[in-house]
Amino acid sequence: MGWVLLIVTAVTLFMGVPIAFSLGLGSLAAFMMGNTPLVVIPQRMMVNLDSFSLMAIPFFIFCGEVMAGGGVSKKLVAFVRAMVGHLRGGVGIVSVVASTIFAGISGSAAADTAAMGSLLIPAMKEEGYDAGTAASIQACAGALGPIIPPSIVMIIYGSLTGLSVASLFLAGIGPGILIAIGLITTVYIYARKHNLSSGEKFDFRRFLHTLRGAIWALLLPVIILGGIMGGIFTPTEAGVIASLYAIIISMFVYKQITIKDLPRIILDAAVSTATIALIVMTASVMAWLLVSMKFPQTIATMLGAVSKNPHIVFLLAVGFVMLMGCVIETVALAIIVVPILFPIGTALGFSPIHFGCVIAIALVFAGLTPPVGILLFVSTKIAKCTFRDTCAKLWPYLAVVTAIMLLCIFVEPVCTLIPSLFLGS
């Protein structure tokens, strides 16, 4: 039954069938080969979807759609260009910084990549970056969306394991900032190596002018994180408040959207939410099948046979996630591997928040690995280059992310310091 599940899923994936349907067809084939009643399928599809934590996802998606349609991305880019655009290779650095800020709004890597990439990839090409490099930088910068809170991946992780989503959110801040710094450094080295020109000279008046334009957008991450850190509201409630705030500033401050635009924005958010929900449902069935076939115990035995050192096993678990990410989309991969790996992390004696944060980072950046790299496809399309060009220029930036993940594995406070300070967890 297990081989049928894996073979049917793999074959349909390589045929180009959407991930949700591939997982569903593979699971259905496995059920038909076994003796389990088919009525279990709809039951398992609803179990993981029936979660209070997952209610945050549609609100953060809606908030991101409103802010993108309300001209927020343009305001943020203008502010960041005034702040760091004067550095050598400035637009590449602007891409990382702007994406880091926007990550505190959207929670979605695809939304971050599309919103920032449409503005900054053409600008990078004009400044002298080749198309593949511009696409790679923006894809890696966009991946910060689900690491710096809010984070759809961490919401899913928390809903599957019962861990505090708020603690996972705060755990992502330290690694997210370190990854951003590493990407900025790599971009700067690239700019010097290729003798890219600096941008306009720093103008303090221009900086203040763009700050006034972006201040309302910059306050949103502060509201979200401040409320969660202060225990004022839960991550789900934060999504509701963020959505209301986004509507108010987009309609009455920036005046980029009107009442007539809301149905279209709601529809776009609903489609994105439904796509994620469908993946969650079909992946839940596959995850249940794998657990029933004692796949977690098999993986644990295999990892334990390689080494008894907990950190080595941790590294192997991260490597397993990255390998699976080459062929499975991030949300689906999270549903499948988290029930498998979470007990392993607990058995190894790692802090659940520490282990969860690192696995969440691995899940996000596994989505950057070809051939199923959604963010690479998004940025490649915007850059108007070939997928091969983007992949060829990706590795220095992916190496930076890998180095930060290694740091997080061996230095636990990178992930746990902020949650312990504000939430005691």
Protein backbone atom coordinates (compact mmCIF):
# COMPACT_ATOMS: atom_id res chain seq x y z
CA MET A 1 0.00 0.00 0.00
CA GLY A 2 2.86 2.36 0.83
CA TRP A 3 4.53 1.85 -2.52
CA VAL A 4 1.25 2.49 -4.34
CA LEU A 5 0.83 5.75 -2.42
CA LEU A 6 4.31 6.99 -3.27
CA ILE A 7 4.38 5.79 -6.89
CA VAL A 8 0.98 7.24 -7.87
CA THR A 9 1.78 10.55 -6.16
CA ALA A 10 5.21 10.78 -7.83
CA VAL A 11 3.93 9.84 -11.30
CA THR A 12 1.06 12.35 -11.21
CA LEU A 13 3.39 15.08 -9.93
CA PHE A 14 5.81 14.57 -12.81
CA MET A 15 2.87 14.55 -15.22
CA GLY A 16 2.13 18.11 -14.10
CA VAL A 17 -0.98 17.34 -12.02
CA PRO A 18 -1.46 20.03 -9.31
CA ILE A 19 0.01 19.02 -5.95
CA ALA A 20 -3.34 18.80 -4.12
CA PHE A 21 -4.78 16.39 -6.70
CA SER A 22 -1.56 14.34 -6.86
CA LEU A 23 -1.66 13.79 -3.12
CA GLY A 24 -5.37 13.00 -3.27
CA LEU A 25 -5.01 10.50 -6.12
CA GLY A 26 -2.06 8.79 -4.43
CA SER A 27 -3.99 8.51 -1.17
CA LEU A 28 -7.13 7.24 -2.96
CA ALA A 29 -5.11 4.55 -4.77
CA ALA A 30 -3.59 3.44 -1.46
CA PHE A 31 -7.02 3.24 0.17
CA MET A 32 -8.37 1.15 -2.70
CA MET A 33 -5.44 -1.27 -2.36
CA GLY A 34 -6.06 -1.68 1.37
CA ASN A 35 -9.01 -2.59 3.57
CA THR A 36 -9.63 0.85 5.08
CA PRO A 37 -13.16 2.20 4.40
CA LEU A 38 -13.22 5.13 1.98
CA VAL A 39 -15.35 7.11 4.45
CA VAL A 40 -12.09 7.75 6.35
CA ILE A 41 -10.95 10.08 3.53
CA PRO A 42 -13.45 12.92 4.13
CA GLN A 43 -13.06 12.44 7.87
CA ARG A 44 -9.28 12.91 7.72
CA MET A 45 -9.64 15.81 5.27
CA MET A 46 -11.63 17.74 7.86
CA VAL A 47 -9.66 16.86 10.99
CA ASN A 48 -6.66 19.10 10.35
CA LEU A 49 -8.77 21.81 8.71
CA ASP A 50 -10.96 22.08 11.82
CA SER A 51 -8.46 24.18 13.76
CA PHE A 52 -8.76 27.58 15.44
CA SER A 53 -5.13 28.36 14.58
CA LEU A 54 -5.78 27.89 10.84
CA MET A 55 -8.45 30.60 11.00
CA ALA A 56 -5.58 33.11 11.00
CA ILE A 57 -4.57 32.14 7.45
CA PRO A 58 -7.49 33.73 5.51
CA PHE A 59 -7.18 36.94 7.52
CA PHE A 60 -3.45 37.36 6.87
CA ILE A 61 -3.93 36.49 3.20
CA PHE A 62 -6.71 39.07 2.96
CA CYS A 63 -4.53 41.63 4.76
CA GLY A 64 -1.72 41.02 2.28
CA GLU A 65 -4.10 41.38 -0.69
CA VAL A 66 -5.47 44.68 0.67
CA MET A 67 -2.01 46.10 1.37
CA ALA A 68 -0.73 45.06 -2.06
CA GLY A 69 -3.74 46.60 -3.78
CA GLY A 70 -3.56 49.68 -1.58
CA GLY A 71 -0.17 50.78 -2.87
CA VAL A 72 1.71 49.72 0.25
CA SER A 73 4.45 47.89 -1.66
CA LYS A 74 5.24 51.04 -3.66
CA LYS A 75 5.40 53.15 -0.50
CA LEU A 76 7.70 50.65 1.19
CA VAL A 77 10.00 50.39 -1.81
CA ALA A 78 10.26 54.19 -2.08
CA PHE A 79 11.14 54.43 1.63
CA VAL A 80 13.72 51.64 1.53
CA ARG A 81 15.32 53.08 -1.63
CA ALA A 82 15.69 56.41 0.13
CA MET A 83 17.24 54.63 3.12
CA VAL A 84 19.71 52.17 1.52
CA GLY A 85 19.47 52.75 -2.23
CA HIS A 86 22.68 54.82 -2.20
CA LEU A 87 24.79 51.74 -1.39
CA ARG A 88 26.66 49.88 -4.13
CA GLY A 89 24.23 47.57 -5.90
CA GLY A 90 21.51 49.42 -4.02
CA VAL A 91 18.41 47.98 -5.67
CA GLY A 92 19.41 44.43 -4.77
CA ILE A 93 19.80 45.49 -1.14
CA VAL A 94 16.48 47.36 -1.36
CA SER A 95 14.88 44.10 -2.53
CA VAL A 96 16.00 42.25 0.59
CA VAL A 97 15.16 45.05 3.05
CA ALA A 98 11.76 45.79 1.50
CA SER A 99 10.89 42.09 1.44
CA THR A 100 11.90 41.78 5.09
CA ILE A 101 9.51 44.58 6.03
CA PHE A 102 6.71 43.25 3.80
CA ALA A 103 7.22 39.83 5.43
CA GLY A 104 5.80 41.38 8.60
CA ILE A 105 2.57 42.02 6.72
CA SER A 106 1.79 39.18 4.32
CA GLY A 107 3.02 35.90 5.87
CA SER A 108 3.16 34.42 2.37
CA ALA A 109 6.35 33.88 0.40
CA ALA A 110 4.55 33.91 -2.94
CA ALA A 111 2.77 37.19 -2.14
CA ASP A 112 6.02 38.79 -0.96
CA THR A 113 7.92 37.64 -4.05
CA ALA A 114 5.23 38.80 -6.48
CA ALA A 115 4.58 42.17 -4.80
CA MET A 116 8.23 43.16 -4.39
CA GLY A 117 9.52 41.39 -7.49
CA SER A 118 7.21 43.21 -9.89
CA LEU A 119 8.71 46.50 -8.71
CA LEU A 120 12.33 45.58 -8.03
CA ILE A 121 13.39 42.87 -10.47
CA PRO A 122 13.08 45.25 -13.49
CA ALA A 123 14.93 47.91 -11.46
CA MET A 124 17.73 45.45 -10.64
CA LYS A 125 18.12 44.58 -14.32
CA GLU A 126 18.36 48.28 -15.18
CA GLU A 127 21.09 48.73 -12.54
CA GLY A 128 23.23 45.99 -14.11
CA TYR A 129 22.13 42.76 -12.45
CA ASP A 130 21.69 39.90 -14.89
CA ALA A 131 18.16 38.53 -15.00
CA GLY A 132 18.97 35.21 -13.30
CA THR A 133 20.67 36.92 -10.36
CA ALA A 134 17.82 39.41 -9.95
CA ALA A 135 15.29 36.56 -9.91
CA SER A 136 17.38 34.55 -7.42
CA ILE A 137 17.80 37.47 -5.02
CA GLN A 138 14.09 38.26 -5.03
CA ALA A 139 13.08 34.60 -4.61
CA CYS A 140 15.31 34.24 -1.54
CA ALA A 141 14.18 37.60 -0.15
CA GLY A 142 10.56 36.67 -0.75
CA ALA A 143 11.05 33.45 1.22
CA LEU A 144 11.47 35.59 4.34
CA GLY A 145 7.67 36.06 4.26
CA PRO A 146 6.83 32.85 6.18
CA ILE A 147 9.81 33.16 8.56
CA ILE A 148 9.38 36.68 9.92
CA PRO A 149 5.91 36.76 11.54
CA PRO A 150 3.15 36.44 10.60
CA SER A 151 3.80 33.06 8.98
CA ILE A 152 1.36 30.70 7.29
CA VAL A 153 3.83 27.80 7.60
CA MET A 154 4.19 28.33 11.36
CA ILE A 155 0.41 28.56 11.77
CA ILE A 156 0.14 25.15 10.10
CA TYR A 157 3.01 23.76 12.22
CA GLY A 158 1.34 24.97 15.41
CA SER A 159 -2.06 23.58 14.40
CA LEU A 160 -0.54 20.13 13.75
CA THR A 161 1.52 19.91 16.92
CA GLY A 162 -0.42 21.95 19.47
CA LEU A 163 2.53 24.31 19.96
CA SER A 164 1.89 27.98 20.62
CA VAL A 165 1.68 29.77 17.27
CA ALA A 166 2.66 33.01 19.02
CA SER A 167 5.87 31.38 20.30
CA LEU A 168 6.67 30.04 16.83
CA PHE A 169 6.04 33.50 15.36
CA LEU A 170 8.50 35.12 17.77
CA ALA A 171 11.04 32.32 17.25
CA GLY A 172 11.23 33.26 13.56
CA ILE A 173 12.31 36.86 14.19
CA GLY A 174 15.97 36.15 15.05
CA PRO A 175 16.68 33.71 12.19
CA GLY A 176 14.73 35.90 9.75
CA ILE A 177 16.82 38.97 10.55
CA LEU A 178 20.08 36.96 10.33
CA ILE A 179 19.06 35.56 6.93
CA ALA A 180 18.24 39.08 5.73
CA ILE A 181 21.66 40.34 6.88
CA GLY A 182 23.37 37.40 5.17
CA LEU A 183 21.53 38.05 1.90
CA ILE A 184 22.36 41.76 2.04
CA THR A 185 26.04 40.93 2.56
CA THR A 186 26.02 38.49 -0.37
CA VAL A 187 24.31 41.03 -2.63
CA TYR A 188 26.87 43.69 -1.65
CA ILE A 189 29.77 41.32 -2.43
CA TYR A 190 28.19 40.54 -5.82
CA ALA A 191 27.80 44.26 -6.54
CA ARG A 192 31.45 44.96 -5.73
CA LYS A 193 32.67 41.98 -7.71
CA HIS A 194 30.74 43.09 -10.80
CA ASN A 195 31.47 46.77 -10.22
CA LEU A 196 27.83 47.79 -10.10
CA SER A 197 27.25 51.48 -9.60
CA SER A 198 25.89 53.06 -6.44
CA GLY A 199 22.47 54.64 -6.48
CA GLU A 200 21.58 58.25 -5.84
CA LYS A 201 23.32 59.99 -2.95
CA PHE A 202 21.55 59.78 0.38
CA ASP A 203 19.12 62.68 0.76
CA PHE A 204 17.77 63.17 4.28
CA ARG A 205 14.81 65.23 3.07
CA ARG A 206 13.83 62.52 0.62
CA PHE A 207 14.20 59.97 3.40
CA LEU A 208 11.83 61.90 5.66
CA HIS A 209 9.36 62.43 2.81
CA THR A 210 9.20 58.71 1.96
CA LEU A 211 9.05 57.83 5.67
CA ARG A 212 5.92 59.95 6.02
CA GLY A 213 4.41 58.06 3.11
CA ALA A 214 5.33 54.63 4.47
CA ILE A 215 4.81 55.17 8.20
CA TRP A 216 1.28 53.75 8.24
CA ALA A 217 2.45 50.58 6.50
CA LEU A 218 5.46 50.29 8.82
CA LEU A 219 3.17 50.43 11.84
CA LEU A 220 1.31 47.25 10.86
CA PRO A 221 4.11 44.77 11.74
CA VAL A 222 4.59 46.72 14.98
CA ILE A 223 0.91 46.31 15.82
CA ILE A 224 0.93 42.58 15.00
CA LEU A 225 4.12 41.75 16.90
CA GLY A 226 3.45 44.19 19.73
CA GLY A 227 0.01 42.76 20.36
CA ILE A 228 1.27 39.16 20.32
CA MET A 229 4.34 39.91 22.47
CA GLY A 230 2.23 41.85 24.96
CA GLY A 231 -0.35 39.09 25.20
CA ILE A 232 -3.06 41.50 24.01
CA PHE A 233 -4.36 39.19 21.29
CA THR A 234 -3.76 35.79 19.74
CA PRO A 235 -2.26 35.32 16.24
CA THR A 236 -5.76 34.66 14.87
CA GLU A 237 -7.09 37.85 16.45
CA ALA A 238 -3.99 39.63 15.12
CA GLY A 239 -5.05 38.59 11.61
CA VAL A 240 -8.48 40.18 12.10
CA ILE A 241 -7.01 43.40 13.49
CA ALA A 242 -4.40 43.54 10.72
CA SER A 243 -7.13 43.14 8.09
CA LEU A 244 -9.22 45.96 9.54
CA TYR A 245 -6.15 48.19 9.79
CA ALA A 246 -5.18 47.40 6.19
CA ILE A 247 -8.65 48.35 4.93
CA ILE A 248 -8.65 51.64 6.87
CA ILE A 249 -5.24 52.88 5.70
CA SER A 250 -5.68 51.63 2.12
CA MET A 251 -9.10 53.28 1.73
CA PHE A 252 -8.83 56.42 3.85
CA VAL A 253 -5.08 57.20 4.12
CA TYR A 254 -3.51 56.04 0.84
CA LYS A 255 -6.88 56.13 -0.97
CA GLN A 256 -5.74 53.49 -3.47
CA ILE A 257 -8.78 51.25 -3.13
CA THR A 258 -12.52 51.91 -2.81
CA ILE A 259 -15.56 49.97 -1.69
CA LYS A 260 -15.95 48.76 -5.28
CA ASP A 261 -12.50 47.11 -5.12
CA LEU A 262 -13.27 45.06 -2.01
CA PRO A 263 -15.26 42.25 -3.76
CA ARG A 264 -12.33 41.61 -6.12
CA ILE A 265 -9.83 41.62 -3.22
CA ILE A 266 -12.05 39.31 -1.16
CA LEU A 267 -12.37 36.95 -4.13
CA ASP A 268 -8.58 36.87 -4.66
CA ALA A 269 -8.03 36.17 -0.96
CA ALA A 270 -10.73 33.48 -1.00
CA VAL A 271 -9.14 31.73 -3.98
CA SER A 272 -5.71 31.75 -2.28
CA THR A 273 -7.23 30.49 0.97
CA ALA A 274 -9.17 27.74 -0.83
CA THR A 275 -6.00 26.61 -2.61
CA ILE A 276 -4.17 26.26 0.70
CA ALA A 277 -7.19 24.55 2.31
CA LEU A 278 -7.40 21.98 -0.50
CA ILE A 279 -3.69 21.19 -0.13
CA VAL A 280 -4.11 20.90 3.66
CA MET A 281 -7.03 18.47 3.26
CA THR A 282 -5.44 16.12 0.73
CA ALA A 283 -2.03 16.23 2.43
CA SER A 284 -3.75 15.37 5.74
CA VAL A 285 -5.05 12.14 4.23
CA MET A 286 -1.58 11.22 2.98
CA ALA A 287 -0.03 12.10 6.35
CA TRP A 288 -2.56 9.88 8.14
CA LEU A 289 -1.75 6.99 5.81
CA LEU A 290 1.98 7.40 6.41
CA VAL A 291 1.46 7.47 10.17
CA SER A 292 -0.80 4.39 10.03
CA MET A 293 1.95 2.58 8.09
CA LYS A 294 4.39 3.53 10.89
CA PHE A 295 6.42 5.67 8.54
CA PRO A 296 7.54 8.02 11.38
CA GLN A 297 9.03 5.07 13.27
CA THR A 298 10.79 3.92 10.11
CA ILE A 299 12.31 7.37 9.54
CA ALA A 300 13.30 7.61 13.22
CA THR A 301 14.99 4.21 13.06
CA MET A 302 16.85 5.13 9.86
CA LEU A 303 18.05 8.47 11.29
CA GLY A 304 19.03 6.85 14.58
CA ALA A 305 20.99 4.16 12.75
CA VAL A 306 23.20 6.80 11.15
CA SER A 307 24.22 8.50 14.39
CA LYS A 308 23.34 8.70 18.07
CA ASN A 309 24.36 12.37 18.20
CA PRO A 310 21.13 14.46 18.48
CA HIS A 311 22.54 17.32 16.41
CA ILE A 312 23.56 14.98 13.60
CA VAL A 313 20.06 13.51 13.57
CA PHE A 314 18.67 17.07 13.56
CA LEU A 315 20.84 17.83 10.53
CA LEU A 316 19.60 14.69 8.79
CA ALA A 317 15.98 15.69 9.52
CA VAL A 318 16.58 19.10 7.92
CA GLY A 319 18.26 17.41 4.96
CA PHE A 320 15.23 15.10 4.63
CA VAL A 321 12.92 18.14 4.49
CA MET A 322 15.08 19.90 1.90
CA LEU A 323 15.19 16.75 -0.25
CA MET A 324 11.42 16.28 -0.09
CA GLY A 325 11.01 19.97 -0.93
CA CYS A 326 12.56 19.33 -4.33
CA VAL A 327 9.31 17.66 -5.43
CA ILE A 328 6.56 18.71 -2.97
CA GLU A 329 5.09 22.19 -2.41
CA THR A 330 5.75 23.81 1.00
CA VAL A 331 2.27 23.66 2.56
CA ALA A 332 1.71 20.06 1.48
CA LEU A 333 5.19 19.12 2.68
CA ALA A 334 4.50 20.67 6.09
CA ILE A 335 1.33 18.61 6.54
CA ILE A 336 3.18 15.43 5.57
CA VAL A 337 6.50 15.73 7.41
CA VAL A 338 5.61 17.61 10.61
CA PRO A 339 3.72 14.64 12.14
CA ILE A 340 6.72 12.48 11.20
CA LEU A 341 9.49 14.74 12.52
CA PHE A 342 7.87 16.33 15.58
CA PRO A 343 8.06 13.16 17.71
CA ILE A 344 11.67 12.70 16.63
CA GLY A 345 12.60 16.19 17.82
CA THR A 346 10.87 15.56 21.14
CA ALA A 347 12.64 12.22 21.58
CA LEU A 348 16.00 13.86 20.89
CA GLY A 349 15.40 16.30 23.74
CA PHE A 350 15.28 19.52 21.71
CA SER A 351 13.03 22.39 22.73
CA PRO A 352 9.82 22.03 20.68
CA ILE A 353 9.96 25.71 19.70
CA HIS A 354 13.62 25.45 18.68
CA PHE A 355 13.04 22.30 16.64
CA GLY A 356 9.82 23.66 15.14
CA CYS A 357 11.39 26.96 14.11
CA VAL A 358 14.28 25.28 12.29
CA ILE A 359 12.01 22.77 10.55
CA ALA A 360 9.72 25.66 9.49
CA ILE A 361 12.71 27.49 7.98
CA ALA A 362 13.75 24.31 6.17
CA LEU A 363 10.19 23.88 4.86
CA VAL A 364 10.17 27.44 3.50
CA PHE A 365 13.53 27.29 1.78
CA ALA A 366 12.89 23.76 0.52
CA GLY A 367 10.39 25.59 -1.66
CA LEU A 368 13.33 27.27 -3.36
CA THR A 369 14.92 24.06 -4.51
CA PRO A 370 14.29 22.95 -8.11
CA PRO A 371 12.46 21.36 -9.83
CA VAL A 372 9.37 22.35 -7.77
CA GLY A 373 10.46 25.82 -6.66
CA ILE A 374 7.31 27.93 -6.70
CA LEU A 375 9.13 31.13 -5.76
CA LEU A 376 11.70 30.52 -8.49
CA PHE A 377 8.94 30.22 -11.07
CA VAL A 378 7.33 33.47 -9.85
CA SER A 379 10.56 35.48 -9.90
CA THR A 380 11.73 33.89 -13.18
CA LYS A 381 8.51 34.90 -14.90
CA ILE A 382 8.90 38.48 -13.70
CA ALA A 383 12.59 38.57 -14.71
CA LYS A 384 11.76 37.16 -18.17
CA CYS A 385 14.62 34.68 -18.12
CA THR A 386 14.87 30.91 -18.21
CA PHE A 387 14.37 28.72 -15.15
CA ARG A 388 17.87 27.35 -15.70
CA ASP A 389 19.36 30.87 -15.52
CA THR A 390 17.67 31.49 -12.17
CA CYS A 391 18.75 28.14 -10.71
CA ALA A 392 22.35 28.67 -11.86
CA LYS A 393 22.58 31.95 -9.90
CA LEU A 394 20.69 30.73 -6.83
CA TRP A 395 23.36 28.79 -4.96
CA PRO A 396 25.35 31.58 -3.23
CA TYR A 397 22.13 32.90 -1.66
CA LEU A 398 20.86 29.44 -0.74
CA ALA A 399 24.28 28.76 0.85
CA VAL A 400 23.76 31.77 3.13
CA VAL A 401 20.39 30.41 4.23
CA THR A 402 21.93 26.98 4.86
CA ALA A 403 24.65 28.56 7.03
CA ILE A 404 22.03 30.38 9.14
CA MET A 405 20.04 27.14 9.54
CA LEU A 406 23.19 25.41 10.79
CA LEU A 407 23.70 28.24 13.26
CA CYS A 408 20.11 27.84 14.46
CA ILE A 409 20.54 24.09 14.92
CA PHE A 410 23.67 24.38 17.07
CA VAL A 411 22.86 27.67 18.86
CA GLU A 412 19.37 27.25 20.28
CA PRO A 413 18.95 30.83 21.67
CA VAL A 414 18.91 32.19 18.11
CA CYS A 415 15.38 30.75 17.94
CA THR A 416 14.28 30.67 21.57
CA LEU A 417 15.60 33.89 23.12
CA ILE A 418 12.81 36.20 21.96
CA PRO A 419 9.92 33.80 22.78
CA SER A 420 11.42 33.17 26.23
CA LEU A 421 11.78 36.90 26.91
CA PHE A 422 8.23 37.84 25.97
CA LEU A 423 6.16 34.68 26.43
CA GLY A 424 8.29 32.59 28.75
CA SER A 425 8.37 29.72 26.25
